[in-house]
Protein backbone atom coordinates (compact mmCIF):
# COMPACT_ATOMS: atom_id res chain seq x y z
CA MET A 1 -15.66 0.75 -0.39
CA MET A 2 -12.79 2.99 -1.35
CA TYR A 3 -9.88 3.42 1.03
CA GLN A 4 -6.92 5.77 1.04
CA LEU A 5 -3.76 3.85 1.89
CA THR A 6 -1.04 5.31 4.09
CA TRP A 7 2.18 3.91 5.53
CA LYS A 8 5.45 4.98 7.08
CA ILE A 9 8.76 5.02 5.28
CA LEU A 10 11.54 4.76 7.82
CA PRO A 11 15.33 4.88 7.43
CA GLY A 12 17.41 1.91 8.49
CA LEU A 13 20.95 0.62 8.22
CA ARG A 14 20.16 -1.28 5.01
CA GLY A 15 17.91 1.38 3.44
CA MET A 16 14.38 2.71 3.71
CA SER A 17 11.60 0.39 4.85
CA CYS A 18 7.81 0.54 4.57
CA SER A 19 5.62 -0.39 7.52
CA GLU A 20 2.54 0.52 9.55
CA PHE A 21 0.16 0.33 6.61
CA SER A 22 -3.33 1.67 7.26
CA ALA A 23 -6.39 2.44 5.15
CA THR A 24 -9.03 5.08 5.78
CA ALA A 25 -12.43 5.02 4.11
CA THR A 26 -12.80 7.83 1.58
CA THR A 27 -15.33 9.19 -0.87
CA SER A 28 -12.66 11.07 -2.83
CA PRO A 29 -9.62 8.84 -3.43
CA ASN A 30 -6.37 10.58 -4.34
CA ASN A 31 -4.23 8.53 -6.71
CA GLU A 32 -2.12 11.53 -7.67
CA GLN A 33 -0.49 12.00 -4.28
CA GLY A 34 -1.41 8.73 -2.64
CA VAL A 35 -2.71 5.25 -3.18
CA ALA A 36 -6.38 4.33 -3.18
CA LEU A 37 -7.72 0.82 -3.08
CA GLU A 38 -11.13 -0.73 -3.29
CA CYS A 39 -12.22 -3.44 -0.86
CA LEU A 40 -15.55 -5.18 -0.45
CA ASN A 41 -15.53 -4.75 3.33
CA GLU A 42 -13.34 -4.18 6.38
CA ALA A 43 -12.30 -7.84 6.50
CA GLU A 44 -10.87 -7.62 2.98
CA ARG A 45 -9.20 -4.31 3.87
CA ASP A 46 -7.55 -5.92 6.89
CA LEU A 47 -6.39 -8.84 4.74
CA VAL A 48 -4.80 -6.43 2.24
CA LEU A 49 -3.05 -4.52 5.03
CA ARG A 50 -1.58 -7.74 6.43
CA GLU A 51 -0.49 -8.75 2.93
CA LEU A 52 1.27 -5.40 2.45
CA GLU A 53 3.05 -5.66 5.81
CA THR A 54 4.25 -9.17 4.99
CA HIS A 55 5.28 -8.36 1.43
CA PHE A 56 7.18 -5.17 2.23
CA ALA A 57 8.71 -6.09 5.61
CA PRO A 58 11.92 -7.57 4.12
CA GLN A 59 12.30 -5.02 1.32
CA ARG A 60 14.62 -2.01 1.47
CA PHE A 61 14.67 1.04 -0.80
CA SER A 62 17.28 3.64 -1.65
CA ASN A 63 14.93 6.61 -1.20
CA ASN A 64 11.36 7.68 -0.34
CA ALA A 65 10.27 8.06 -3.97
CA SER A 66 11.36 4.53 -4.82
CA ALA A 67 9.53 3.13 -1.80
CA PHE A 68 6.35 5.07 -2.60
CA GLU A 69 6.30 4.09 -6.28
CA THR A 70 6.96 0.43 -5.48
CA VAL A 71 4.04 0.27 -3.03
CA LYS A 72 1.78 2.16 -5.43
CA THR A 73 2.66 -0.18 -8.31
CA TYR A 74 2.08 -3.24 -6.12
CA VAL A 75 -1.39 -2.03 -5.12
CA ILE A 76 -2.34 -1.15 -8.71
CA GLU A 77 -1.13 -4.53 -10.03
CA ARG A 78 -2.93 -6.33 -7.19
CA ALA A 79 -6.18 -4.57 -8.14
CA ALA A 80 -5.69 -5.51 -11.79
CA ARG A 81 -5.17 -9.20 -10.88
CA LYS A 82 -8.27 -9.07 -8.68
CA THR A 83 -10.45 -7.76 -11.52
CA GLN A 84 -9.15 -10.48 -13.87
CA SER A 85 -10.19 -13.24 -11.45
């Protein structure tokens, strides 16, 4: 199943943070303005969302664009590692 990933980028004292990741099933993923990911089922989707929350919780970014591109790159690289396994 394809999912469109969304999250919040919030300001903080040490920089921008990413949190509240969610994924909505989609038939037309948008990788131009968002991040799409493929999961076998809802259980895998939930696992990925927990992984994203854990990975990005301690990270801070200087601006929204940096935060967005970092999450997008992480998801793309994760998918590439998954296909190599």
